[in-house]
Protein backbone atom coordinates (compact mmCIF):
# COMPACT_ATOMS: atom_id res chain seq x y z
CA MET A 1 64.69 53.29 0.90
CA VAL A 2 61.82 53.08 -1.59
CA PHE A 3 58.19 52.71 -0.63
CA ARG A 4 55.42 51.51 -2.91
CA ILE A 5 51.85 52.38 -2.11
CA TRP A 6 49.21 49.96 -3.31
CA ARG A 7 45.68 51.21 -3.05
CA ARG A 8 42.72 48.93 -2.54
CA PRO A 9 39.87 51.15 -3.71
CA PHE A 10 36.28 50.36 -2.85
CA GLN A 11 32.97 52.15 -3.20
CA LEU A 12 31.60 53.68 -0.04
CA ASP A 13 28.10 53.75 -1.51
CA PRO A 14 27.59 51.83 -4.77
CA ALA A 15 23.93 52.94 -4.83
CA LEU A 16 24.89 56.56 -5.53
CA SER A 17 23.92 57.90 -8.93
CA THR A 18 26.45 59.18 -11.44
CA ALA A 19 24.55 62.49 -11.40
CA PRO A 20 23.90 64.73 -8.36
CA MET A 21 20.42 64.19 -6.95
CA ALA A 22 19.68 66.81 -4.31
CA LEU A 23 21.01 70.05 -2.84
CA PRO A 24 22.77 70.35 0.55
CA GLY A 25 20.35 70.09 3.46
CA THR A 26 17.65 68.28 1.48
CA GLU A 27 16.84 64.59 1.58
CA PRO A 28 18.32 62.50 0.18
CA SER A 29 21.34 64.76 0.00
CA VAL A 30 24.51 63.88 -1.86
CA ALA A 31 26.37 67.00 -0.67
CA LYS A 32 29.79 66.26 0.84
CA ARG A 33 28.91 68.12 4.04
CA ASP A 34 25.89 65.87 4.60
CA ARG A 35 27.23 62.54 3.28
CA LEU A 36 30.82 62.65 4.56
CA TRP A 37 30.57 64.81 7.68
CA HIS A 38 27.20 65.09 9.36
CA ARG A 39 26.17 61.53 8.55
CA ASN A 40 29.33 60.21 10.24
CA GLY A 41 29.20 62.33 13.38
CA GLY A 42 31.13 65.38 12.19
CA ASP A 43 29.94 68.90 12.78
CA VAL A 44 30.43 72.43 11.49
CA ALA A 45 33.34 73.02 13.88
CA ASP A 46 35.18 70.03 12.37
CA MET A 47 34.73 71.42 8.88
CA GLU A 48 35.88 74.88 9.98
CA ARG A 49 39.03 73.45 11.59
CA LEU A 50 39.87 71.50 8.44
CA ALA A 51 39.16 74.54 6.24
CA THR A 52 41.43 76.71 8.44
CA ARG A 53 44.28 74.19 8.37
CA GLY A 54 43.88 73.85 4.62
CA ARG A 55 44.00 77.61 4.04
CA GLU A 56 47.17 77.82 6.15
CA ARG A 57 48.73 75.44 3.63
CA GLY A 58 47.20 76.95 0.49
CA VAL A 59 44.35 74.44 0.17
CA GLU A 60 40.74 75.55 -0.19
CA PHE A 61 38.30 72.80 0.80
CA SER A 62 34.71 72.80 -0.36
CA PHE A 63 32.07 70.87 1.53
CA ASP A 64 29.07 71.71 -0.64
CA GLY A 65 29.83 69.79 -3.81
CA PRO A 66 28.09 66.51 -4.54
CA VAL A 67 29.25 62.99 -3.90
CA THR A 68 28.47 60.81 -6.91
CA ASN A 69 29.13 57.22 -7.86
CA SER A 70 32.89 56.73 -7.95
CA LYS A 71 33.10 53.39 -9.77
CA ASP A 72 34.79 54.78 -12.90
CA SER A 73 37.33 56.79 -10.91
CA LEU A 74 38.20 53.67 -8.92
CA ARG A 75 38.58 51.61 -12.10
CA LEU A 76 40.98 54.24 -13.44
CA LEU A 77 42.90 54.23 -10.18
CA LEU A 78 43.51 50.48 -10.45
CA TRP A 79 44.59 50.94 -14.07
CA ALA A 80 46.93 53.82 -13.09
CA GLN A 81 48.42 51.63 -10.37
CA ARG A 82 49.53 49.11 -13.01
CA HIS A 83 51.40 51.99 -14.68
CA GLY A 84 52.96 53.30 -11.45
CA ARG A 85 50.87 56.51 -11.51
CA ASN A 86 48.28 55.76 -8.82
CA GLU A 87 49.38 58.46 -6.39
CA GLU A 88 49.54 61.06 -9.14
CA LEU A 89 46.00 60.17 -10.24
CA MET A 90 44.73 60.11 -6.65
CA THR A 91 46.16 63.61 -6.12
CA ALA A 92 44.62 64.92 -9.35
CA LEU A 93 41.22 63.45 -8.44
CA GLY A 94 41.41 64.65 -4.84
CA TRP A 95 42.01 68.29 -5.80
CA ARG A 96 39.14 68.22 -8.23
CA HIS A 97 36.71 66.59 -5.80
CA PHE A 98 37.58 68.26 -2.50
CA SER A 99 38.47 71.74 -3.77
CA GLN A 100 36.70 72.25 -7.08
CA ASP A 101 33.50 70.23 -6.49
CA ALA A 102 34.14 68.24 -9.66
CA LEU A 103 32.08 65.08 -10.14
CA LEU A 104 34.07 61.86 -9.89
CA SER A 105 31.57 60.34 -12.32
CA ASP A 106 32.19 62.94 -15.05
CA ARG A 107 34.20 61.47 -17.92
CA ALA A 108 35.82 64.82 -18.84
CA VAL A 109 36.95 65.32 -15.21
CA LEU A 110 38.40 61.82 -15.08
CA LEU A 111 40.29 62.18 -18.37
CA ALA A 112 41.67 65.59 -17.35
CA ALA A 113 42.88 64.07 -14.07
CA CYS A 114 44.55 61.24 -16.01
CA ARG A 115 46.30 63.76 -18.26
CA GLU A 116 47.52 65.69 -15.19
CA ALA A 117 48.76 62.43 -13.66
CA GLY A 118 50.88 61.69 -16.73
CA LEU A 119 48.56 59.05 -18.16
CA GLU A 120 47.41 58.90 -21.77
CA PRO A 121 43.77 60.11 -21.95
CA ARG A 122 42.97 57.91 -24.98
CA ALA A 123 44.13 54.83 -23.10
CA ALA A 124 42.12 55.94 -20.06
CA ALA A 125 39.03 56.37 -22.27
CA LYS A 126 39.43 52.76 -23.40
CA VAL A 127 39.45 51.68 -19.76
CA LEU A 128 36.23 53.61 -19.19
CA ASP A 129 34.66 52.10 -22.30
CA SER A 130 35.51 48.52 -21.28
């Protein structure tokens, strides 16, 4: 049995800048802990439980990095999907964003994720330039 996963990416907040704007706890904050957790009803205990489960499986989550505009990463994801590499790119982007606090709007981060996912960085750069 073979399964194909088709992603339908969308921007959670198209108004976000491509550059971080404020530090955690300040307004308007773009920190993951404020934008993705506290704003949506999560609390510190939720983050601690997730961090503990992650560590048990060798994953270090970070909740302090910024959330930036993700339009370019989503464009690349759709492109990768046409080449059958969408899950590989999603994994490469996820590690960078949720563990390394990398910016999903940073061209170098996006191209490195494409390389890791088995996609040609020069072709990905053309997608970004279009």
